[in-house]
C-alpha atoms as a PDB file:
ATOM      1  CA  MET A   1       0.529 -13.399  19.961  1.00  0.00           C
ATOM      2  CA  ILE A   2       3.067 -11.454  17.916  1.00  0.00           C
ATOM      3  CA  PHE A   3       0.298  -9.151  16.609  1.00  0.00           C
ATOM      4  CA  ALA A   4      -1.295  -8.666  20.025  1.00  0.00           C
ATOM      5  CA  VAL A   5       1.302  -6.207  21.360  1.00  0.00           C
ATOM      6  CA  PRO A   6       1.323  -3.841  18.336  1.00  0.00           C
ATOM      7  CA  PHE A   7      -2.477  -4.009  18.171  1.00  0.00           C
ATOM      8  CA  PHE A   8      -2.751  -3.190  21.871  1.00  0.00           C
ATOM      9  CA  LEU A   9      -0.316  -0.276  21.494  1.00  0.00           C
ATOM     10  CA  TRP A  10      -2.255   0.970  18.455  1.00  0.00           C
ATOM     11  CA  MET A  11      -5.506   0.930  20.445  1.00  0.00           C
ATOM     12  CA  LEU A  12      -3.871   2.792  23.343  1.00  0.00           C
ATOM     13  CA  ALA A  13      -2.611   5.433  20.909  1.00  0.00           C
ATOM     14  CA  GLU A  14      -6.102   5.775  19.394  1.00  0.00           C
ATOM     15  CA  ILE A  15      -7.645   6.209  22.857  1.00  0.00           C
ATOM     16  CA  ALA A  16      -5.020   8.820  23.702  1.00  0.00           C
ATOM     17  CA  GLY A  17      -5.875  10.558  20.418  1.00  0.00           C
ATOM     18  CA  PHE A  18      -9.563  10.602  21.371  1.00  0.00           C
ATOM     19  CA  ALA A  19      -8.706  12.095  24.745  1.00  0.00           C
ATOM     20  CA  LEU A  20      -6.400  14.713  23.258  1.00  0.00           C
ATOM     21  CA  VAL A  21      -8.826  15.800  20.531  1.00  0.00           C
ATOM     22  CA  GLY A  22     -11.741  15.697  22.979  1.00  0.00           C
ATOM     23  CA  GLN A  23      -9.827  17.947  25.341  1.00  0.00           C
ATOM     24  CA  TYR A  24      -9.405  20.612  22.646  1.00  0.00           C
ATOM     25  CA  VAL A  25     -12.722  20.484  20.774  1.00  0.00           C
ATOM     26  CA  GLY A  26     -15.087  18.748  23.193  1.00  0.00           C
ATOM     27  CA  ALA A  27     -16.670  15.308  23.361  1.00  0.00           C
ATOM     28  CA  GLY A  28     -19.560  16.044  20.976  1.00  0.00           C
ATOM     29  CA  THR A  29     -17.315  17.429  18.267  1.00  0.00           C
ATOM     30  CA  THR A  30     -14.931  14.494  18.682  1.00  0.00           C
ATOM     31  CA  VAL A  31     -17.763  11.999  18.131  1.00  0.00           C
ATOM     32  CA  LEU A  32     -18.980  14.044  15.151  1.00  0.00           C
ATOM     33  CA  LEU A  33     -15.459  14.010  13.639  1.00  0.00           C
ATOM     34  CA  VAL A  34     -15.297  10.227  13.991  1.00  0.00           C
ATOM     35  CA  ILE A  35     -18.680   9.833  12.277  1.00  0.00           C
ATOM     36  CA  VAL A  36     -17.755  12.257   9.478  1.00  0.00           C
ATOM     37  CA  THR A  37     -14.432  10.534   8.768  1.00  0.00           C
ATOM     38  CA  GLY A  38     -16.205   7.163   8.669  1.00  0.00           C
ATOM     39  CA  ILE A  39     -18.705   8.459   6.122  1.00  0.00           C
ATOM     40  CA  ALA A  40     -15.899  10.139   4.152  1.00  0.00           C
ATOM     41  CA  GLY A  41     -13.951   6.870   4.120  1.00  0.00           C
ATOM     42  CA  TRP A  42     -16.958   4.964   2.794  1.00  0.00           C
ATOM     43  CA  THR A  43     -17.619   7.606   0.120  1.00  0.00           C
ATOM     44  CA  LEU A  44     -13.992   7.858  -1.018  1.00  0.00           C
ATOM     45  CA  LEU A  45     -13.680   4.079  -1.063  1.00  0.00           C
ATOM     46  CA  ARG A  46     -16.725   3.735  -3.321  1.00  0.00           C
ATOM     47  CA  TYR A  47     -15.664   6.549  -5.676  1.00  0.00           C
ATOM     48  CA  GLN A  48     -11.947   5.766  -5.971  1.00  0.00           C
ATOM     49  CA  GLY A  49     -12.580   2.021  -5.887  1.00  0.00           C
ATOM     50  CA  GLY A  50     -14.840   2.386  -8.934  1.00  0.00           C
ATOM     51  CA  THR A  51     -12.156   4.423 -10.668  1.00  0.00           C
ATOM     52  CA  VAL A  52      -9.575   1.720  -9.991  1.00  0.00           C
ATOM     53  CA  MET A  53     -11.908  -0.964 -11.324  1.00  0.00           C
ATOM     54  CA  THR A  54     -12.260   1.027 -14.549  1.00  0.00           C
ATOM     55  CA  ARG A  55      -8.474   1.328 -14.845  1.00  0.00           C
ATOM     56  CA  ILE A  56      -8.123  -2.436 -14.292  1.00  0.00           C
ATOM     57  CA  GLN A  57     -10.645  -3.138 -17.064  1.00  0.00           C
ATOM     58  CA  VAL A  58      -8.831  -0.753 -19.431  1.00  0.00           C
ATOM     59  CA  ALA A  59      -5.496  -2.449 -18.712  1.00  0.00           C
ATOM     60  CA  ILE A  60      -7.010  -5.878 -19.339  1.00  0.00           C
ATOM     61  CA  ALA A  61      -8.583  -4.631 -22.583  1.00  0.00           C
ATOM     62  CA  ARG A  62      -5.113  -3.449 -23.705  1.00  0.00           C
ATOM     63  CA  GLU A  63      -3.832  -6.936 -22.801  1.00  0.00           C
ATOM     64  CA  GLU A  64      -1.524  -5.523 -20.120  1.00  0.00           C
ATOM     65  CA  PRO A  65      -1.210  -6.997 -16.647  1.00  0.00           C
ATOM     66  CA  PRO A  66      -3.068  -4.655 -14.255  1.00  0.00           C
ATOM     67  CA  VAL A  67      -0.537  -5.060 -11.456  1.00  0.00           C
ATOM     68  CA  ALA A  68      -0.130  -1.360 -10.623  1.00  0.00           C
ATOM     69  CA  GLU A  69      -3.887  -0.823 -10.739  1.00  0.00           C
ATOM     70  CA  MET A  70      -4.504  -3.769  -8.420  1.00  0.00           C
ATOM     71  CA  LEU A  71      -1.906  -2.542  -5.934  1.00  0.00           C
ATOM     72  CA  ASP A  72      -3.519   0.874  -6.108  1.00  0.00           C
ATOM     73  CA  GLY A  73      -6.868  -0.764  -5.363  1.00  0.00           C
ATOM     74  CA  VAL A  74      -5.472  -2.580  -2.337  1.00  0.00           C
ATOM     75  CA  ALA A  75      -3.993   0.664  -0.993  1.00  0.00           C
ATOM     76  CA  ILE A  76      -7.314   2.465  -1.524  1.00  0.00           C
ATOM     77  CA  ALA A  77      -9.164  -0.330   0.275  1.00  0.00           C
ATOM     78  CA  ILE A  78      -6.762  -0.073   3.217  1.00  0.00           C
ATOM     79  CA  ALA A  79      -7.194   3.726   3.205  1.00  0.00           C
ATOM     80  CA  GLY A  80     -10.997   3.439   3.273  1.00  0.00           C
ATOM     81  CA  ILE A  81     -10.901   0.900   6.074  1.00  0.00           C
ATOM     82  CA  CYS A  82      -8.542   3.131   8.054  1.00  0.00           C
ATOM     83  CA  LEU A  83     -10.960   6.042   7.702  1.00  0.00           C
ATOM     84  CA  MET A  84     -13.918   3.898   8.755  1.00  0.00           C
ATOM     85  CA  ILE A  85     -12.135   2.628  11.872  1.00  0.00           C
ATOM     86  CA  PRO A  86     -12.849   4.980  14.776  1.00  0.00           C
ATOM     87  CA  GLY A  87      -9.643   6.792  15.678  1.00  0.00           C
ATOM     88  CA  PHE A  88      -7.613   9.748  14.561  1.00  0.00           C
ATOM     89  CA  ILE A  89      -4.308   7.955  13.980  1.00  0.00           C
ATOM     90  CA  SER A  90      -5.953   5.508  11.588  1.00  0.00           C
ATOM     91  CA  ASP A  91      -7.715   8.491   9.960  1.00  0.00           C
ATOM     92  CA  ILE A  92      -4.381  10.197   9.306  1.00  0.00           C
ATOM     93  CA  LEU A  93      -3.007   6.988   7.770  1.00  0.00           C
ATOM     94  CA  GLY A  94      -6.138   6.620   5.639  1.00  0.00           C
ATOM     95  CA  ILE A  95      -5.970  10.221   4.403  1.00  0.00           C
ATOM     96  CA  LEU A  96      -2.300   9.799   3.487  1.00  0.00           C
ATOM     97  CA  LEU A  97      -3.104   6.643   1.494  1.00  0.00           C
ATOM     98  CA  PHE A  98      -5.880   8.440  -0.397  1.00  0.00           C
ATOM     99  CA  VAL A  99      -3.425  11.053  -1.728  1.00  0.00           C
ATOM    100  CA  PRO A 100      -2.230   9.546  -5.057  1.00  0.00           C
ATOM    101  CA  PRO A 101       1.419  10.787  -5.002  1.00  0.00           C
ATOM    102  CA  LEU A 102       1.910   9.592  -1.419  1.00  0.00           C
ATOM    103  CA  ARG A 103       0.176   6.296  -2.172  1.00  0.00           C
ATOM    104  CA  ARG A 104       2.445   5.687  -5.191  1.00  0.00           C
ATOM    105  CA  PHE A 105       5.529   6.574  -3.166  1.00  0.00           C
ATOM    106  CA  LEU A 106       4.539   4.146  -0.390  1.00  0.00           C
ATOM    107  CA  LEU A 107       3.710   1.388  -2.887  1.00  0.00           C
ATOM    108  CA  MET A 108       6.930   1.842  -4.869  1.00  0.00           C
ATOM    109  CA  SER A 109       9.115   1.932  -1.756  1.00  0.00           C
ATOM    110  CA  THR A 110       7.374  -1.180  -0.418  1.00  0.00           C
ATOM    111  CA  LEU A 111       7.803  -3.010  -3.742  1.00  0.00           C
ATOM    112  CA  LYS A 112      11.439  -1.953  -3.940  1.00  0.00           C
ATOM    113  CA  LYS A 113      12.061  -3.319  -0.462  1.00  0.00           C
ATOM    114  CA  LEU A 114      10.277  -6.591  -1.242  1.00  0.00           C
ATOM    115  CA  ARG A 115      12.219  -7.018  -4.489  1.00  0.00           C
ATOM    116  CA  SER A 116      15.539  -6.424  -2.771  1.00  0.00           C
ATOM    117  CA  GLN A 117      14.692  -9.085  -0.193  1.00  0.00           C
ATOM    118  CA  SER A 118      13.554 -11.645  -2.775  1.00  0.00           C
ATOM    119  CA  GLY A 119      16.789 -11.811  -4.792  1.00  0.00           C
ATOM    120  CA  VAL A 120      14.866 -11.618  -8.093  1.00  0.00           C
ATOM    121  CA  THR A 121      15.616  -8.639 -10.313  1.00  0.00           C
ATOM    122  CA  THR A 122      13.384  -7.260 -13.062  1.00  0.00           C
ATOM    123  CA  TRP A 123      15.112  -5.835 -16.095  1.00  0.00           C
ATOM    124  CA  ALA A 124      13.718  -4.125 -19.176  1.00  0.00           C
ATOM    125  CA  ARG A 125      15.531  -3.000 -22.305  1.00  0.00           C
ATOM    126  CA  THR A 126      14.361  -1.299 -25.454  1.00  0.00           C
ATOM    127  CA  LYS A 127      15.344  -3.056 -28.644  1.00  0.00           C
ATOM    128  CA  SER A 128      14.830  -1.495 -32.087  1.00  0.00           C
ATOM    129  CA  GLY A 129      11.911   0.867 -31.759  1.00  0.00           C
ATOM    130  CA  ASP A 130       9.173   0.534 -29.167  1.00  0.00           C
ATOM    131  CA  THR A 131       9.528  -3.191 -28.519  1.00  0.00           C
ATOM    132  CA  ILE A 132      10.330  -3.830 -24.884  1.00  0.00           C
ATOM    133  CA  ILE A 133      11.855  -7.108 -23.848  1.00  0.00           C
ATOM    134  CA  GLU A 134      11.222  -7.706 -20.176  1.00  0.00           C
ATOM    135  CA  GLY A 135      12.582 -10.462 -18.046  1.00  0.00           C
ATOM    136  CA  GLU A 136      13.427 -11.583 -14.563  1.00  0.00           C
ATOM    137  CA  TYR A 137      16.623 -13.206 -13.529  1.00  0.00           C
ATOM    138  CA  GLU A 138      18.215 -14.468 -10.370  1.00  0.00           C
ATOM    139  CA  ASP A 139      21.944 -14.580  -9.786  1.00  0.00           C
ATOM    140  CA  VAL A 140      22.860 -18.227  -9.166  1.00  0.00           C
ATOM    141  CA  THR A 141      26.615 -17.788  -9.395  1.00  0.00           C
ATOM    142  CA  PRO A 142      28.326 -20.031  -6.825  1.00  0.00           C
ATOM    143  CA  HIS A 143      30.030 -18.052  -4.111  1.00  0.00           C
ATOM    144  CA  ASP A 144      33.055 -20.163  -3.196  1.00  0.00           C
ATOM    145  CA  ASP A 145      30.958 -23.168  -2.229  1.00  0.00           C
ATOM    146  CA  PRO A 146      33.427 -25.969  -1.395  1.00  0.00           C
ATOM    147  CA  THR A 147      30.869 -28.642  -2.350  1.00  0.00           C
ATOM    148  CA  LEU A 148      30.734 -27.456  -5.973  1.00  0.00           C
ATOM    149  CA  PRO A 149      33.358 -28.476  -8.559  1.00  0.00           C
ATOM    150  CA  ARG A 150      35.918 -25.790  -9.430  1.00  0.00           C
ATOM    151  CA  GLN A 151      35.701 -24.136 -12.823  1.00  0.00           C
ATOM    152  CA  ASP A 152      39.167 -23.148 -13.988  1.00  0.00           C
END
């Protein structure tokens, strides 16, 4: 039920977008634009999806976790689906997600927000040369909890 209202509002906005675009360019051109963006979404999804799969394989071959590549792949999949869904608002979202700098910005800001909500912090430090020691920690310092024994 919680997703029904935003979904309904999204569909109303898409219908309004159809009406607005149709008013300016005509019904035939509007339908043609929807078909072209669907085909473009499919094509871009196949091309960029293959590129991401190659990057994932390269990362695995270097014995690195392909986290960034996988997130990139998810964003590209969402972008392709948005372009294949009939509607101009979803097309705009899909086009924005296909632009690599915008996609990285959206992914990094989303990850930053998720990390700040989780309470787990990632920390990396260079130690003697190129060796990177990476770790995660969580602050478990008691904050004046009366049930814990005092440490004086």
